Amino acid sequence: DFKTRKSVVKKEQEVLGGKFNKENY
């Protein structure tokens, strides 16, 4: 949003399978 300078994540890619954690990389 240009006026408020706030961001809204409309969608984040889902990585299925139950094993993914970005903190592991």
PDB file of all heavy atoms in Angstrom:
ATOM      1  N   ASP A   1       0.843  -1.197   0.000  1.00  0.00           N
ATOM      2  CA  ASP A   1       0.000   0.000   0.000  1.00  0.00           C
ATOM      3  C   ASP A   1       0.878   1.247   0.000  1.00  0.00           C
ATOM      4  O   ASP A   1       1.665   1.464   0.923  1.00  0.00           O
ATOM      5  CB  ASP A   1      -0.912  -0.005   1.227  1.00  0.00           C
ATOM      6  CG  ASP A   1      -1.974   1.092   1.159  1.00  0.00           C
ATOM      7  OD1 ASP A   1      -1.598   2.277   1.192  1.00  0.00           O
ATOM      8  OD2 ASP A   1      -3.165   0.750   1.082  1.00  0.00           O
ATOM      9  N   PHE A   2       0.763   2.065  -1.046  1.00  0.00           N
ATOM     10  CA  PHE A   2       1.607   3.250  -1.160  1.00  0.00           C
ATOM     11  C   PHE A   2       1.402   4.224  -0.001  1.00  0.00           C
ATOM     12  O   PHE A   2       2.360   4.840   0.491  1.00  0.00           O
ATOM     13  CB  PHE A   2       1.317   3.988  -2.479  1.00  0.00           C
ATOM     14  CG  PHE A   2       1.740   3.247  -3.708  1.00  0.00           C
ATOM     15  CD1 PHE A   2       0.802   2.861  -4.660  1.00  0.00           C
ATOM     16  CD2 PHE A   2       3.072   2.944  -3.943  1.00  0.00           C
ATOM     17  CE1 PHE A   2       1.186   2.194  -5.811  1.00  0.00           C
ATOM     18  CE2 PHE A   2       3.470   2.270  -5.083  1.00  0.00           C
ATOM     19  CZ  PHE A   2       2.514   1.894  -6.022  1.00  0.00           C
ATOM     20  N   LYS A   3       0.159   4.394   0.438  1.00  0.00           N
ATOM     21  CA  LYS A   3      -0.138   5.398   1.464  1.00  0.00           C
ATOM     22  C   LYS A   3       0.293   4.950   2.856  1.00  0.00           C
ATOM     23  O   LYS A   3       0.922   5.705   3.609  1.00  0.00           O
ATOM     24  CB  LYS A   3      -1.641   5.729   1.454  1.00  0.00           C
ATOM     25  CG  LYS A   3      -2.128   6.358   0.154  1.00  0.00           C
ATOM     26  CD  LYS A   3      -1.414   7.670  -0.153  1.00  0.00           C
ATOM     27  CE  LYS A   3      -1.958   8.308  -1.441  1.00  0.00           C
ATOM     28  NZ  LYS A   3      -1.200   9.536  -1.812  1.00  0.00           N
ATOM     29  N   THR A   4      -0.040   3.725   3.228  1.00  0.00           N
ATOM     30  CA  THR A   4       0.283   3.251   4.580  1.00  0.00           C
ATOM     31  C   THR A   4       1.685   2.661   4.663  1.00  0.00           C
ATOM     32  O   THR A   4       2.211   2.458   5.746  1.00  0.00           O
ATOM     33  CB  THR A   4      -0.726   2.181   5.021  1.00  0.00           C
ATOM     34  OG1 THR A   4      -0.587   1.026   4.181  1.00  0.00           O
ATOM     35  CG2 THR A   4      -2.157   2.718   4.940  1.00  0.00           C
ATOM     36  N   ARG A   5       2.265   2.350   3.491  1.00  0.00           N
ATOM     37  CA  ARG A   5       3.582   1.702   3.396  1.00  0.00           C
ATOM     38  C   ARG A   5       3.588   0.336   4.088  1.00  0.00           C
ATOM     39  O   ARG A   5       4.602  -0.121   4.622  1.00  0.00           O
ATOM     40  CB  ARG A   5       4.690   2.585   3.955  1.00  0.00           C
ATOM     41  CG  ARG A   5       4.889   3.887   3.199  1.00  0.00           C
ATOM     42  CD  ARG A   5       6.231   4.516   3.512  1.00  0.00           C
ATOM     43  NE  ARG A   5       6.389   5.785   2.806  1.00  0.00           N
ATOM     44  CZ  ARG A   5       7.516   6.492   2.785  1.00  0.00           C
ATOM     45  NH1 ARG A   5       8.585   6.057   3.458  1.00  0.00           N
ATOM     46  NH2 ARG A   5       7.590   7.623   2.129  1.00  0.00           N
ATOM     47  N   LYS A   6       2.452  -0.318   4.075  1.00  0.00           N
ATOM     48  CA  LYS A   6       2.356  -1.652   4.657  1.00  0.00           C
ATOM     49  C   LYS A   6       2.175  -2.689   3.556  1.00  0.00           C
ATOM     50  O   LYS A   6       1.542  -2.433   2.540  1.00  0.00           O
ATOM     51  CB  LYS A   6       1.190  -1.716   5.647  1.00  0.00           C
ATOM     52  CG  LYS A   6       1.416  -0.876   6.900  1.00  0.00           C
ATOM     53  CD  LYS A   6       0.273  -1.044   7.885  1.00  0.00           C
ATOM     54  CE  LYS A   6       0.530  -0.230   9.157  1.00  0.00           C
ATOM     55  NZ  LYS A   6      -0.589  -0.374  10.134  1.00  0.00           N
ATOM     56  N   SER A   7       2.735  -3.860   3.811  1.00  0.00           N
ATOM     57  CA  SER A   7       2.653  -4.960   2.856  1.00  0.00           C
ATOM     58  C   SER A   7       1.728  -6.052   3.369  1.00  0.00           C
ATOM     59  O   SER A   7       1.708  -6.348   4.565  1.00  0.00           O
ATOM     60  CB  SER A   7       4.049  -5.560   2.606  1.00  0.00           C
ATOM     61  OG  SER A   7       4.896  -4.620   1.990  1.00  0.00           O
ATOM     62  N   VAL A   8       0.973  -6.625   2.453  1.00  0.00           N
ATOM     63  CA  VAL A   8       0.103  -7.747   2.781  1.00  0.00           C
ATOM     64  C   VAL A   8       0.474  -8.908   1.863  1.00  0.00           C
ATOM     65  O   VAL A   8       0.460  -8.771   0.633  1.00  0.00           O
ATOM     66  CB  VAL A   8      -1.385  -7.393   2.584  1.00  0.00           C
ATOM     67  CG1 VAL A   8      -2.253  -8.620   2.834  1.00  0.00           C
ATOM     68  CG2 VAL A   8      -1.788  -6.245   3.499  1.00  0.00           C
ATOM     69  N   VAL A   9       0.832 -10.029   2.459  1.00  0.00           N
ATOM     70  CA  VAL A   9       1.152 -11.221   1.671  1.00  0.00           C
ATOM     71  C   VAL A   9      -0.160 -11.849   1.219  1.00  0.00           C
ATOM     72  O   VAL A   9      -0.932 -12.364   2.027  1.00  0.00           O
ATOM     73  CB  VAL A   9       1.981 -12.232   2.489  1.00  0.00           C
ATOM     74  CG1 VAL A   9       2.224 -13.496   1.667  1.00  0.00           C
ATOM     75  CG2 VAL A   9       3.304 -11.619   2.926  1.00  0.00           C
ATOM     76  N   LYS A  10      -0.412 -11.780  -0.081  1.00  0.00           N
ATOM     77  CA  LYS A  10      -1.660 -12.320  -0.620  1.00  0.00           C
ATOM     78  C   LYS A  10      -1.587 -13.835  -0.792  1.00  0.00           C
ATOM     79  O   LYS A  10      -2.597 -14.529  -0.721  1.00  0.00           O
ATOM     80  CB  LYS A  10      -1.976 -11.669  -1.967  1.00  0.00           C
ATOM     81  CG  LYS A  10      -2.047 -10.157  -1.921  1.00  0.00           C
ATOM     82  CD  LYS A  10      -3.163  -9.658  -1.028  1.00  0.00           C
ATOM     83  CE  LYS A  10      -4.529  -9.920  -1.595  1.00  0.00           C
ATOM     84  NZ  LYS A  10      -5.611  -9.333  -0.770  1.00  0.00           N
ATOM     85  N   LYS A  11      -0.389 -14.310  -1.017  1.00  0.00           N
ATOM     86  CA  LYS A  11      -0.222 -15.743  -1.174  1.00  0.00           C
ATOM     87  C   LYS A  11       1.242 -16.105  -1.003  1.00  0.00           C
ATOM     88  O   LYS A  11       2.121 -15.393  -1.501  1.00  0.00           O
ATOM     89  CB  LYS A  11      -0.694 -16.200  -2.563  1.00  0.00           C
ATOM     90  CG  LYS A  11      -0.539 -17.703  -2.787  1.00  0.00           C
ATOM     91  CD  LYS A  11      -1.008 -18.111  -4.159  1.00  0.00           C
ATOM     92  CE  LYS A  11      -0.837 -19.616  -4.352  1.00  0.00           C
ATOM     93  NZ  LYS A  11      -1.297 -20.068  -5.679  1.00  0.00           N
ATOM     94  N   GLU A  12       1.498 -17.181  -0.271  1.00  0.00           N
ATOM     95  CA  GLU A  12       2.850 -17.725  -0.189  1.00  0.00           C
ATOM     96  C   GLU A  12       2.810 -19.149  -0.727  1.00  0.00           C
ATOM     97  O   GLU A  12       1.914 -19.925  -0.392  1.00  0.00           O
ATOM     98  CB  GLU A  12       3.375 -17.726   1.248  1.00  0.00           C
ATOM     99  CG  GLU A  12       4.802 -18.262   1.352  1.00  0.00           C
ATOM    100  CD  GLU A  12       5.399 -18.114   2.753  1.00  0.00           C
ATOM    101  OE1 GLU A  12       5.945 -17.045   3.048  1.00  0.00           O
ATOM    102  OE2 GLU A  12       5.284 -19.073   3.534  1.00  0.00           O
ATOM    103  N   GLN A  13       3.759 -19.460  -1.580  1.00  0.00           N
ATOM    104  CA  GLN A  13       3.846 -20.803  -2.152  1.00  0.00           C
ATOM    105  C   GLN A  13       3.868 -21.850  -1.049  1.00  0.00           C
ATOM    106  O   GLN A  13       4.681 -21.788  -0.132  1.00  0.00           O
ATOM    107  CB  GLN A  13       5.108 -20.904  -3.016  1.00  0.00           C
ATOM    108  CG  GLN A  13       5.384 -22.283  -3.567  1.00  0.00           C
ATOM    109  CD  GLN A  13       6.743 -22.367  -4.247  1.00  0.00           C
ATOM    110  OE1 GLN A  13       7.438 -21.367  -4.397  1.00  0.00           O
ATOM    111  NE2 GLN A  13       7.129 -23.555  -4.662  1.00  0.00           N
ATOM    112  N   GLU A  14       2.953 -22.796  -1.137  1.00  0.00           N
ATOM    113  CA  GLU A  14       2.910 -23.886  -0.164  1.00  0.00           C
ATOM    114  C   GLU A  14       3.811 -25.023  -0.623  1.00  0.00           C
ATOM    115  O   GLU A  14       3.737 -25.445  -1.775  1.00  0.00           O
ATOM    116  CB  GLU A  14       1.481 -24.406   0.004  1.00  0.00           C
ATOM    117  CG  GLU A  14       0.547 -23.443   0.701  1.00  0.00           C
ATOM    118  CD  GLU A  14      -0.808 -24.073   0.956  1.00  0.00           C
ATOM    119  OE1 GLU A  14      -0.847 -25.144   1.606  1.00  0.00           O
ATOM    120  OE2 GLU A  14      -1.824 -23.524   0.493  1.00  0.00           O
ATOM    121  N   VAL A  15       4.651 -25.491   0.273  1.00  0.00           N
ATOM    122  CA  VAL A  15       5.479 -26.657  -0.011  1.00  0.00           C
ATOM    123  C   VAL A  15       4.927 -27.797   0.825  1.00  0.00           C
ATOM    124  O   VAL A  15       5.071 -27.819   2.049  1.00  0.00           O
ATOM    125  CB  VAL A  15       6.960 -26.399   0.330  1.00  0.00           C
ATOM    126  CG1 VAL A  15       7.798 -27.625  -0.009  1.00  0.00           C
ATOM    127  CG2 VAL A  15       7.468 -25.177  -0.426  1.00  0.00           C
ATOM    128  N   LEU A  16       4.263 -28.729   0.144  1.00  0.00           N
ATOM    129  CA  LEU A  16       3.588 -29.814   0.855  1.00  0.00           C
ATOM    130  C   LEU A  16       4.566 -30.932   1.181  1.00  0.00           C
ATOM    131  O   LEU A  16       5.734 -30.891   0.840  1.00  0.00           O
ATOM    132  CB  LEU A  16       2.428 -30.335   0.001  1.00  0.00           C
ATOM    133  CG  LEU A  16       1.391 -29.280  -0.437  1.00  0.00           C
ATOM    134  CD1 LEU A  16       0.284 -29.944  -1.241  1.00  0.00           C
ATOM    135  CD2 LEU A  16       0.815 -28.540   0.764  1.00  0.00           C
ATOM    136  N   GLY A  17       4.062 -31.929   1.835  1.00  0.00           N
ATOM    137  CA  GLY A  17       4.884 -33.093   2.177  1.00  0.00           C
ATOM    138  C   GLY A  17       5.255 -33.136   3.640  1.00  0.00           C
ATOM    139  O   GLY A  17       5.715 -34.154   4.145  1.00  0.00           O
ATOM    140  N   GLY A  18       5.076 -32.020   4.344  1.00  0.00           N
ATOM    141  CA  GLY A  18       5.282 -32.011   5.789  1.00  0.00           C
ATOM    142  C   GLY A  18       6.706 -31.932   6.258  1.00  0.00           C
ATOM    143  O   GLY A  18       6.965 -31.850   7.458  1.00  0.00           O
ATOM    144  N   LYS A  19       7.685 -31.941   5.353  1.00  0.00           N
ATOM    145  CA  LYS A  19       9.082 -31.976   5.771  1.00  0.00           C
ATOM    146  C   LYS A  19       9.799 -30.645   5.592  1.00  0.00           C
ATOM    147  O   LYS A  19      10.882 -30.455   6.134  1.00  0.00           O
ATOM    148  CB  LYS A  19       9.838 -33.061   4.990  1.00  0.00           C
ATOM    149  CG  LYS A  19       9.344 -34.479   5.265  1.00  0.00           C
ATOM    150  CD  LYS A  19      10.157 -35.493   4.471  1.00  0.00           C
ATOM    151  CE  LYS A  19       9.684 -36.909   4.741  1.00  0.00           C
ATOM    152  NZ  LYS A  19      10.470 -37.914   3.964  1.00  0.00           N
ATOM    153  N   PHE A  20       9.198 -29.723   4.840  1.00  0.00           N
ATOM    154  CA  PHE A  20       9.926 -28.494   4.528  1.00  0.00           C
ATOM    155  C   PHE A  20       9.856 -27.483   5.665  1.00  0.00           C
ATOM    156  O   PHE A  20       8.784 -27.168   6.191  1.00  0.00           O
ATOM    157  CB  PHE A  20       9.386 -27.845   3.256  1.00  0.00           C
ATOM    158  CG  PHE A  20      10.029 -26.516   2.971  1.00  0.00           C
ATOM    159  CD1 PHE A  20      11.340 -26.458   2.512  1.00  0.00           C
ATOM    160  CD2 PHE A  20       9.352 -25.333   3.191  1.00  0.00           C
ATOM    161  CE1 PHE A  20      11.950 -25.231   2.264  1.00  0.00           C
ATOM    162  CE2 PHE A  20       9.942 -24.105   2.938  1.00  0.00           C
ATOM    163  CZ  PHE A  20      11.251 -24.060   2.475  1.00  0.00           C
ATOM    164  N   ASN A  21      11.026 -26.989   6.037  1.00  0.00           N
ATOM    165  CA  ASN A  21      11.147 -25.876   6.981  1.00  0.00           C
ATOM    166  C   ASN A  21      12.307 -25.026   6.485  1.00  0.00           C
ATOM    167  O   ASN A  21      13.444 -25.500   6.418  1.00  0.00           O
ATOM    168  CB  ASN A  21      11.422 -26.396   8.396  1.00  0.00           C
ATOM    169  CG  ASN A  21      11.532 -25.266   9.410  1.00  0.00           C
ATOM    170  OD1 ASN A  21      11.703 -24.097   9.064  1.00  0.00           O
ATOM    171  ND2 ASN A  21      11.443 -25.618  10.692  1.00  0.00           N
ATOM    172  N   LYS A  22      12.026 -23.793   6.119  1.00  0.00           N
ATOM    173  CA  LYS A  22      13.077 -22.966   5.513  1.00  0.00           C
ATOM    174  C   LYS A  22      14.255 -22.736   6.456  1.00  0.00           C
ATOM    175  O   LYS A  22      15.361 -22.419   6.007  1.00  0.00           O
ATOM    176  CB  LYS A  22      12.516 -21.626   5.039  1.00  0.00           C
ATOM    177  CG  LYS A  22      11.949 -20.720   6.114  1.00  0.00           C
ATOM    178  CD  LYS A  22      11.351 -19.477   5.472  1.00  0.00           C
ATOM    179  CE  LYS A  22      10.741 -18.553   6.507  1.00  0.00           C
ATOM    180  NZ  LYS A  22      10.135 -17.349   5.874  1.00  0.00           N
ATOM    181  N   GLU A  23      14.029 -22.938   7.755  1.00  0.00           N
ATOM    182  CA  GLU A  23      15.116 -22.763   8.720  1.00  0.00           C
ATOM    183  C   GLU A  23      16.143 -23.891   8.629  1.00  0.00           C
ATOM    184  O   GLU A  23      17.230 -23.799   9.209  1.00  0.00           O
ATOM    185  CB  GLU A  23      14.547 -22.702  10.147  1.00  0.00           C
ATOM    186  CG  GLU A  23      13.583 -21.545  10.382  1.00  0.00           C
ATOM    187  CD  GLU A  23      14.219 -20.200  10.080  1.00  0.00           C
ATOM    188  OE1 GLU A  23      15.426 -20.020  10.380  1.00  0.00           O
ATOM    189  OE2 GLU A  23      13.519 -19.328   9.527  1.00  0.00           O
ATOM    190  N   ASN A  24      15.798 -24.945   7.883  1.00  0.00           N
ATOM    191  CA  ASN A  24      16.735 -26.065   7.727  1.00  0.00           C
ATOM    192  C   ASN A  24      17.770 -25.830   6.633  1.00  0.00           C
ATOM    193  O   ASN A  24      18.652 -26.659   6.418  1.00  0.00           O
ATOM    194  CB  ASN A  24      15.970 -27.357   7.401  1.00  0.00           C
ATOM    195  CG  ASN A  24      15.141 -27.840   8.579  1.00  0.00           C
ATOM    196  OD1 ASN A  24      15.447 -27.533   9.733  1.00  0.00           O
ATOM    197  ND2 ASN A  24      14.084 -28.584   8.288  1.00  0.00           N
ATOM    198  N   TYR A  25      17.653 -24.696   5.936  1.00  0.00           N
ATOM    199  CA  TYR A  25      18.526 -24.431   4.798  1.00  0.00           C
ATOM    200  C   TYR A  25      19.276 -23.123   4.984  1.00  0.00           C
ATOM    201  O   TYR A  25      18.797 -22.200   5.645  1.00  0.00           O
ATOM    202  CB  TYR A  25      17.715 -24.409   3.500  1.00  0.00           C
ATOM    203  CG  TYR A  25      16.932 -25.681   3.293  1.00  0.00           C
ATOM    204  CD1 TYR A  25      15.634 -25.812   3.794  1.00  0.00           C
ATOM    205  CD2 TYR A  25      17.502 -26.768   2.637  1.00  0.00           C
ATOM    206  CE1 TYR A  25      14.920 -26.987   3.640  1.00  0.00           C
ATOM    207  CE2 TYR A  25      16.788 -27.957   2.479  1.00  0.00           C
ATOM    208  CZ  TYR A  25      15.502 -28.052   2.983  1.00  0.00           C
ATOM    209  OH  TYR A  25      14.802 -29.224   2.832  1.00  0.00           O
TER     210      TYR A  25
END
